[in-house]
């Protein structure tokens, strides 16, 4: 059984920074790790993903501001979020693709103007 434990969300002013972490427990081979987000009244959307080899993919809205990274030895993925905007406010979900797809419980990020 795989469990994802997220941390790092919170309240920040516009222009500030936050760092999210997500650790996957269990003995699994993880191919892809990433982050999605869902704002109130909107669909869940991709934020960023990173493969085991380090290839990254970002939503256009976060390019140049967010950086995804991972520690394969710890099965942990990080999302460094800089220059945060009020429109970044959402629940952020960690995502892991192994033999199955796994989701974290979500962590709230609120950016005040």
Protein backbone atom coordinates (compact mmCIF):
# COMPACT_ATOMS: atom_id res chain seq x y z
CA UNK A 1 0.00 0.00 0.00
CA UNK A 2 1.36 3.39 -1.01
CA UNK A 3 0.73 6.46 1.08
CA UNK A 4 1.57 10.01 0.14
CA UNK A 5 2.26 12.55 2.87
CA UNK A 6 2.20 16.18 1.82
CA UNK A 7 3.47 19.21 3.70
CA UNK A 8 4.30 22.84 3.15
CA UNK A 9 1.06 24.56 2.30
CA UNK A 10 -0.12 27.72 3.99
CA UNK A 11 -0.99 31.38 3.66
CA UNK A 12 1.38 33.79 1.94
CA UNK A 13 1.21 37.26 0.49
CA UNK A 14 1.44 37.85 -3.23
CA UNK A 15 5.04 37.77 -4.35
CA UNK A 16 6.00 35.37 -1.61
CA UNK A 17 7.26 31.81 -1.74
CA UNK A 18 6.26 28.39 -0.47
CA UNK A 19 7.78 24.94 -0.80
CA UNK A 20 5.63 21.83 -0.95
CA UNK A 21 6.91 18.34 -0.20
CA UNK A 22 5.38 14.94 -0.81
CA UNK A 23 6.88 11.70 0.45
CA UNK A 24 5.72 8.35 -0.85
CA UNK A 25 5.94 5.38 1.49
CA UNK A 26 6.05 1.78 0.44
CA UNK A 27 8.41 -0.27 -1.65
CA UNK A 28 7.44 0.76 -5.15
CA UNK A 29 9.05 1.81 -8.37
CA UNK A 30 7.86 5.31 -9.15
CA UNK A 31 8.02 6.52 -12.70
CA UNK A 32 6.33 9.89 -12.58
CA UNK A 33 5.74 12.31 -9.71
CA UNK A 34 3.98 15.60 -9.85
CA UNK A 35 1.61 18.20 -8.54
CA UNK A 36 -1.91 19.16 -9.55
CA UNK A 37 -4.14 21.83 -8.09
CA UNK A 38 -7.82 22.56 -7.82
CA UNK A 39 -9.25 25.99 -7.14
CA UNK A 40 -12.84 26.44 -5.90
CA UNK A 41 -15.31 25.91 -8.70
CA UNK A 42 -12.63 24.74 -11.13
CA UNK A 43 -11.37 21.44 -12.40
CA UNK A 44 -8.17 19.89 -11.15
CA UNK A 45 -5.29 20.96 -13.35
CA UNK A 46 -1.71 19.97 -13.90
CA UNK A 47 0.92 22.14 -12.26
CA UNK A 48 4.14 20.23 -12.90
CA UNK A 49 5.50 16.71 -13.32
CA UNK A 50 8.93 15.13 -13.21
CA UNK A 51 10.05 11.73 -14.45
CA UNK A 52 12.49 9.40 -12.72
CA UNK A 53 15.09 10.65 -15.16
CA UNK A 54 14.48 14.27 -14.23
CA UNK A 55 12.51 15.46 -17.25
CA UNK A 56 10.04 18.14 -16.23
CA UNK A 57 6.79 19.51 -17.55
CA UNK A 58 5.07 22.69 -16.35
CA UNK A 59 1.76 24.39 -16.88
CA UNK A 60 2.24 27.62 -18.81
CA UNK A 61 0.80 29.59 -15.91
CA UNK A 62 3.64 28.57 -13.56
CA UNK A 63 6.63 28.46 -15.90
CA UNK A 64 9.48 30.56 -14.62
CA UNK A 65 7.97 30.78 -11.14
CA UNK A 66 7.66 27.17 -9.93
CA UNK A 67 10.34 24.50 -9.86
CA UNK A 68 9.69 20.80 -9.39
CA UNK A 69 12.37 18.44 -8.16
CA UNK A 70 12.60 14.96 -6.68
CA UNK A 71 14.79 12.79 -4.53
CA UNK A 72 14.51 9.28 -5.94
CA UNK A 73 16.25 7.71 -2.96
CA UNK A 74 13.58 9.15 -0.66
CA UNK A 75 10.64 8.85 -3.08
CA UNK A 76 9.99 12.51 -2.42
CA UNK A 77 8.91 15.27 -4.76
CA UNK A 78 9.16 18.98 -4.08
CA UNK A 79 7.53 22.06 -5.57
CA UNK A 80 9.26 25.38 -5.00
CA UNK A 81 6.78 28.15 -5.66
CA UNK A 82 8.10 31.68 -6.06
CA UNK A 83 6.44 34.95 -7.06
CA UNK A 84 3.10 33.58 -5.95
CA UNK A 85 -0.06 35.21 -7.24
CA UNK A 86 -3.61 35.22 -5.84
CA UNK A 87 -4.64 33.03 -8.78
CA UNK A 88 -2.30 30.34 -7.47
CA UNK A 89 -4.69 29.85 -4.55
CA UNK A 90 -5.88 26.24 -4.60
CA UNK A 91 -5.63 22.86 -2.97
CA UNK A 92 -2.44 21.26 -4.25
CA UNK A 93 -2.37 17.50 -4.72
CA UNK A 94 0.66 15.31 -4.98
CA UNK A 95 0.50 12.68 -7.73
CA UNK A 96 2.54 9.53 -8.17
CA UNK A 97 2.45 7.09 -11.05
CA UNK A 98 3.79 3.63 -10.35
CA UNK A 99 1.91 0.46 -11.35
CA UNK A 100 -1.13 2.44 -10.27
CA UNK A 101 -1.92 6.11 -9.81
CA UNK A 102 -1.81 7.58 -6.34
CA UNK A 103 -2.97 10.92 -4.95
CA UNK A 104 -2.12 12.80 -1.79
CA UNK A 105 -4.75 14.21 0.52
CA UNK A 106 -4.15 17.78 -0.67
CA UNK A 107 -2.63 20.81 0.97
CA UNK A 108 -4.14 24.29 0.89
CA UNK A 109 -2.16 27.15 -0.60
CA UNK A 110 -3.68 30.59 -0.15
CA UNK A 111 -2.11 33.70 -1.68
CA UNK A 112 -3.45 37.02 -0.46
CA UNK A 113 -3.34 40.17 -2.56
